[in-house]
């Protein structure tokens, strides 16, 4: 337990499990109260199950066990009015908003010519438009607070052209563009806006694709090195990304904005 975020309030999307849950716990450990949302629905275009309402309640339990306050609700980041209500309700309860973590995402593996219109649309709607919706809903509260920090989860795929992830790559590159633009527009309000770029993380979003990925690499071995981390680790744990999010959420990063913070074990150096 620490006090790097003492007195701060953080809004986190995709908080039902994985990185989102880890972020909620890590920020709470440092003193933050949490406003958490998750869609808690499955997608026909995604091979793995999403977080459930029970998962989201487990996040609540874990944060409350740290003696921090948390409000959690079932909200889809594609639902702009629902997002605005969730943020507004949280601010009404906790009094302000300091930190926004736009983390919610989905992922599916397929070759370019097997990418259906629905896969493309679902991925862009959640991973890109969802980030935009989150920023639009939260930014007025940050301005009213006199400043704050927005952190958007991108990926190594937001830096390089990872094969077999066309819609995901497009969305994660798009997130970088939105963040850089918002960093400029919101600078006068003392709001900093940054991206975090993980390599593979030990969550269902990453691990669900291993069987398909191995098949594709067997067909095109020259693509294999794109997925290799030079440092001696294959998958990071969610909390290792949370530590980067914590830095960007804390006052230690008060002059850091428009930055792409890589937590990738050297993946994008290849």
Protein backbone atom coordinates (compact mmCIF):
# COMPACT_ATOMS: atom_id res chain seq x y z
CA UNK A 1 0.00 0.00 0.00
CA UNK A 2 1.21 3.50 -0.86
CA UNK A 3 0.00 7.04 -1.36
CA UNK A 4 1.10 7.99 -4.88
CA UNK A 5 -2.58 8.50 -5.82
CA UNK A 6 -3.91 9.53 -2.42
CA UNK A 7 -7.14 11.50 -2.81
CA UNK A 8 -7.47 10.79 -6.54
CA UNK A 9 -10.37 9.22 -8.42
CA UNK A 10 -9.77 7.00 -11.46
CA UNK A 11 -12.19 5.84 -14.18
CA UNK A 12 -11.25 2.51 -15.80
CA UNK A 13 -12.87 0.75 -18.75
CA UNK A 14 -12.71 -3.00 -19.26
CA UNK A 15 -12.23 -3.45 -15.52
CA UNK A 16 -13.88 -6.86 -15.24
CA UNK A 17 -10.65 -8.81 -15.47
CA UNK A 18 -7.20 -8.85 -17.07
CA UNK A 19 -5.36 -5.58 -17.39
CA UNK A 20 -8.40 -3.51 -16.41
CA UNK A 21 -8.80 -5.34 -13.11
CA UNK A 22 -5.05 -5.15 -12.47
CA UNK A 23 -5.14 -1.38 -13.08
CA UNK A 24 -8.03 -0.96 -10.65
CA UNK A 25 -6.22 -2.90 -7.95
CA UNK A 26 -2.85 -1.21 -8.49
CA UNK A 27 -4.28 2.31 -8.48
CA UNK A 28 -6.36 1.48 -5.41
CA UNK A 29 -3.24 0.19 -3.67
CA UNK A 30 -1.80 3.67 -4.10
CA UNK A 31 -4.86 5.43 -2.65
CA UNK A 32 -7.24 5.98 -5.58
CA UNK A 33 -10.99 5.46 -5.52
CA UNK A 34 -12.25 3.70 -8.63
CA UNK A 35 -15.10 4.13 -11.09
CA UNK A 36 -15.12 0.88 -13.08
CA UNK A 37 -17.07 -0.29 -16.11
CA UNK A 38 -17.15 -3.37 -18.31
CA UNK A 39 -19.54 -4.40 -21.07
CA UNK A 40 -19.82 -7.96 -19.71
CA UNK A 41 -21.04 -9.27 -23.07
CA UNK A 42 -19.65 -11.69 -25.65
CA UNK A 43 -19.01 -11.00 -29.34
CA UNK A 44 -19.80 -13.40 -32.18
CA UNK A 45 -16.60 -12.18 -33.87
CA UNK A 46 -14.31 -13.01 -30.93
CA UNK A 47 -13.30 -16.57 -30.09
CA UNK A 48 -12.99 -16.15 -26.33
CA UNK A 49 -15.47 -15.19 -23.63
CA UNK A 50 -15.45 -11.64 -22.34
CA UNK A 51 -15.52 -10.72 -18.67
CA UNK A 52 -18.80 -11.52 -16.91
CA UNK A 53 -20.82 -9.52 -14.41
CA UNK A 54 -19.43 -11.88 -11.76
CA UNK A 55 -15.91 -10.95 -12.89
CA UNK A 56 -16.73 -7.27 -12.48
CA UNK A 57 -18.07 -7.90 -8.99
CA UNK A 58 -14.83 -9.70 -8.13
CA UNK A 59 -12.97 -6.55 -9.13
CA UNK A 60 -15.22 -4.65 -6.72
CA UNK A 61 -14.44 -7.12 -3.95
CA UNK A 62 -10.68 -6.88 -4.51
CA UNK A 63 -10.68 -3.09 -4.49
CA UNK A 64 -12.88 -2.90 -1.40
CA UNK A 65 -10.52 -5.33 0.33
CA UNK A 66 -7.90 -2.58 0.00
CA UNK A 67 -10.23 -0.24 1.92
CA UNK A 68 -10.86 1.89 -1.15
CA UNK A 69 -14.20 2.97 -2.60
CA UNK A 70 -15.40 1.67 -5.96
CA UNK A 71 -18.48 2.09 -8.12
CA UNK A 72 -18.83 -0.51 -10.88
CA UNK A 73 -21.43 -0.73 -13.63
CA UNK A 74 -22.13 -2.74 -16.75
CA UNK A 75 -21.51 -0.29 -19.60
CA UNK A 76 -20.29 -0.83 -23.16
CA UNK A 77 -17.72 1.71 -24.40
CA UNK A 78 -19.66 1.84 -27.68
CA UNK A 79 -22.55 3.38 -25.72
CA UNK A 80 -21.62 7.06 -25.47
CA UNK A 81 -24.64 8.09 -23.36
CA UNK A 82 -24.09 5.13 -21.05
CA UNK A 83 -20.45 6.11 -20.60
CA UNK A 84 -21.39 9.69 -19.82
CA UNK A 85 -23.87 8.51 -17.20
CA UNK A 86 -21.38 6.11 -15.57
CA UNK A 87 -18.75 8.83 -15.32
CA UNK A 88 -21.26 11.39 -14.10
CA UNK A 89 -22.65 9.06 -11.44
CA UNK A 90 -19.14 8.30 -10.23
CA UNK A 91 -18.17 11.95 -10.05
CA UNK A 92 -21.40 12.74 -8.21
CA UNK A 93 -20.46 10.11 -5.62
CA UNK A 94 -16.73 10.79 -5.29
CA UNK A 95 -16.72 14.53 -6.06
CA UNK A 96 -14.24 14.69 -8.95
CA UNK A 97 -12.23 12.84 -11.57
CA UNK A 98 -8.43 12.81 -11.83
CA UNK A 99 -7.43 9.81 -13.94
CA UNK A 100 -8.94 8.06 -16.98
CA UNK A 101 -7.71 4.65 -18.17
CA UNK A 102 -9.20 3.74 -21.57
CA UNK A 103 -8.36 0.06 -21.48
CA UNK A 104 -11.32 -1.88 -22.95
CA UNK A 105 -10.50 -3.86 -26.09
CA UNK A 106 -11.25 -7.00 -28.09
CA UNK A 107 -9.02 -8.99 -30.43
CA UNK A 108 -9.39 -11.62 -33.12
CA UNK A 109 -6.80 -13.31 -35.34
CA UNK A 110 -7.34 -13.77 -39.07
CA UNK A 111 -5.60 -13.16 -42.38
CA UNK A 112 -6.46 -10.04 -44.33
CA UNK A 113 -8.65 -11.92 -46.79
CA UNK A 114 -10.54 -13.69 -44.00
CA UNK A 115 -11.39 -10.44 -42.22
CA UNK A 116 -15.14 -10.04 -42.35
CA UNK A 117 -16.88 -6.69 -42.34
CA UNK A 118 -18.29 -7.51 -38.89
CA UNK A 119 -14.87 -8.35 -37.41
CA UNK A 120 -13.55 -5.06 -38.77
CA UNK A 121 -16.49 -3.07 -37.43
CA UNK A 122 -16.64 -4.67 -33.98
CA UNK A 123 -12.91 -4.19 -33.43
CA UNK A 124 -12.86 -0.57 -34.55
CA UNK A 125 -16.04 0.21 -32.60
CA UNK A 126 -14.63 -1.08 -29.31
CA UNK A 127 -10.90 -0.44 -29.63
CA UNK A 128 -10.95 2.95 -31.33
CA UNK A 129 -14.39 4.56 -31.09
CA UNK A 130 -14.63 3.23 -27.53
CA UNK A 131 -11.47 5.11 -26.58
CA UNK A 132 -12.83 8.27 -28.20
CA UNK A 133 -16.16 7.88 -26.41
CA UNK A 134 -14.33 7.44 -23.12
CA UNK A 135 -12.30 10.61 -23.62
CA UNK A 136 -15.35 12.62 -24.65
CA UNK A 137 -17.30 11.48 -21.59
CA UNK A 138 -14.48 12.06 -19.13
CA UNK A 139 -12.68 15.18 -20.34
CA UNK A 140 -15.25 17.76 -19.08
CA UNK A 141 -14.81 16.35 -15.57
CA UNK A 142 -11.02 16.58 -15.83
CA UNK A 143 -11.31 20.19 -17.00
CA UNK A 144 -13.61 20.94 -14.06
CA UNK A 145 -11.02 19.34 -11.79
CA UNK A 146 -8.28 21.66 -13.06
CA UNK A 147 -6.36 18.90 -14.84
CA UNK A 148 -5.60 15.23 -14.78
CA UNK A 149 -4.29 12.28 -16.75
CA UNK A 150 -5.76 10.20 -19.58
CA UNK A 151 -4.04 6.89 -20.33
CA UNK A 152 -5.08 4.84 -23.35
CA UNK A 153 -3.98 1.25 -23.84
CA UNK A 154 -2.48 0.77 -27.28
CA UNK A 155 -0.13 -2.11 -28.11
CA UNK A 156 3.07 -3.06 -29.87
CA UNK A 157 0.55 -3.41 -32.73
CA UNK A 158 0.01 0.34 -32.44
CA UNK A 159 3.65 0.82 -33.43
CA UNK A 160 4.31 -1.87 -36.03
CA UNK A 161 2.34 -3.83 -38.60
CA UNK A 162 1.70 -7.05 -36.71
CA UNK A 163 0.40 -9.60 -39.25
CA UNK A 164 -2.99 -11.31 -39.01
CA UNK A 165 -4.44 -8.58 -36.78
CA UNK A 166 -5.64 -6.09 -39.39
CA UNK A 167 -8.53 -4.41 -37.55
CA UNK A 168 -6.68 -4.50 -34.23
CA UNK A 169 -3.58 -2.92 -35.79
CA UNK A 170 -5.70 -0.21 -37.42
CA UNK A 171 -7.47 0.57 -34.14
CA UNK A 172 -4.33 0.63 -32.01
CA UNK A 173 -2.54 2.91 -34.47
CA UNK A 174 -5.64 5.10 -34.45
CA UNK A 175 -5.53 5.34 -30.66
CA UNK A 176 -2.04 6.84 -30.91
CA UNK A 177 -3.29 9.51 -33.30
CA UNK A 178 -6.24 10.42 -31.09
CA UNK A 179 -4.00 10.62 -28.03
CA UNK A 180 -1.43 12.84 -29.71
CA UNK A 181 -4.16 15.18 -30.92
CA UNK A 182 -5.88 15.30 -27.53
CA UNK A 183 -2.55 15.89 -25.79
CA UNK A 184 -2.24 19.10 -27.81
CA UNK A 185 -5.84 20.25 -27.43
CA UNK A 186 -6.01 19.56 -23.70
CA UNK A 187 -2.58 20.86 -22.72
CA UNK A 188 -3.98 24.28 -21.79
CA UNK A 189 -6.26 22.55 -19.28
CA UNK A 190 -3.30 20.84 -17.59
CA UNK A 191 -4.52 17.47 -18.85
CA UNK A 192 -1.86 15.07 -20.06
CA UNK A 193 -2.74 12.27 -22.50
CA UNK A 194 -0.50 9.27 -23.17
CA UNK A 195 -0.53 5.73 -24.53
CA UNK A 196 0.86 2.53 -23.05
CA UNK A 197 2.13 -0.12 -25.48
CA UNK A 198 2.35 -3.63 -24.01
CA UNK A 199 3.83 -6.66 -25.69
CA UNK A 200 1.85 -9.85 -25.15
CA UNK A 201 0.21 -9.96 -21.72
CA UNK A 202 -1.05 -13.04 -19.90
CA UNK A 203 -4.76 -12.40 -20.41
CA UNK A 204 -7.41 -14.13 -22.57
CA UNK A 205 -7.14 -11.37 -25.18
CA UNK A 206 -3.59 -12.49 -25.96
CA UNK A 207 -3.55 -16.18 -25.10
CA UNK A 208 -6.74 -17.03 -27.02
CA UNK A 209 -4.89 -16.60 -30.30
CA UNK A 210 -1.85 -18.80 -29.71
CA UNK A 211 -3.17 -21.83 -31.61
CA UNK A 212 -4.11 -19.73 -34.65
CA UNK A 213 -0.88 -17.73 -34.43
CA UNK A 214 1.28 -20.85 -34.38
CA UNK A 215 -0.57 -22.18 -37.42
CA UNK A 216 -0.03 -18.95 -39.35
CA UNK A 217 3.67 -18.82 -38.42
CA UNK A 218 4.10 -22.41 -39.60
CA UNK A 219 2.73 -21.30 -42.99
CA UNK A 220 4.88 -18.15 -43.10
CA UNK A 221 7.93 -18.64 -40.82
CA UNK A 222 9.51 -15.28 -41.74
CA UNK A 223 6.77 -13.58 -39.70
CA UNK A 224 7.76 -15.40 -36.51
CA UNK A 225 10.41 -12.93 -35.30
CA UNK A 226 7.83 -10.11 -35.27
CA UNK A 227 6.32 -11.74 -32.18
CA UNK A 228 9.62 -12.26 -30.35
CA UNK A 229 10.68 -10.25 -27.30
CA UNK A 230 14.45 -9.74 -27.12
CA UNK A 231 14.32 -9.80 -23.32
CA UNK A 232 13.92 -13.27 -21.75
CA UNK A 233 10.15 -13.26 -21.30
CA UNK A 234 7.29 -14.32 -23.58
CA UNK A 235 4.28 -12.86 -21.75
CA UNK A 236 4.10 -10.06 -19.22
CA UNK A 237 1.74 -10.16 -16.26
CA UNK A 238 -1.04 -7.55 -16.14
CA UNK A 239 0.39 -5.82 -13.07
CA UNK A 240 3.56 -5.04 -15.02
CA UNK A 241 1.46 -2.87 -17.33
CA UNK A 242 -0.39 -1.46 -14.31
CA UNK A 243 2.89 -0.15 -12.93
CA UNK A 244 3.34 1.92 -16.09
CA UNK A 245 -0.26 3.12 -15.87
CA UNK A 246 0.39 4.10 -12.25
CA UNK A 247 3.34 6.28 -13.25
CA UNK A 248 1.28 8.08 -15.89
CA UNK A 249 -1.61 8.48 -13.43
CA UNK A 250 0.59 9.92 -10.69
CA UNK A 251 1.98 13.42 -10.27
CA UNK A 252 5.41 11.96 -11.08
CA UNK A 253 4.44 12.30 -14.76
CA UNK A 254 3.01 15.80 -14.50
CA UNK A 255 4.91 17.07 -17.56
CA UNK A 256 4.66 13.87 -19.63
CA UNK A 257 2.11 14.12 -22.44
CA UNK A 258 1.70 12.82 -25.97
CA UNK A 259 4.10 9.99 -25.16
CA UNK A 260 4.04 6.34 -26.26
CA UNK A 261 5.26 4.41 -23.21
CA UNK A 262 6.43 0.98 -24.36
CA UNK A 263 6.30 -1.91 -21.89
CA UNK A 264 7.30 -4.45 -24.48
CA UNK A 265 10.49 -6.27 -23.42
CA UNK A 266 12.13 -4.80 -26.53
CA UNK A 267 9.52 -6.18 -28.96
CA UNK A 268 9.31 -3.04 -31.09
CA UNK A 269 13.11 -2.73 -31.29
CA UNK A 270 13.28 -5.66 -33.70
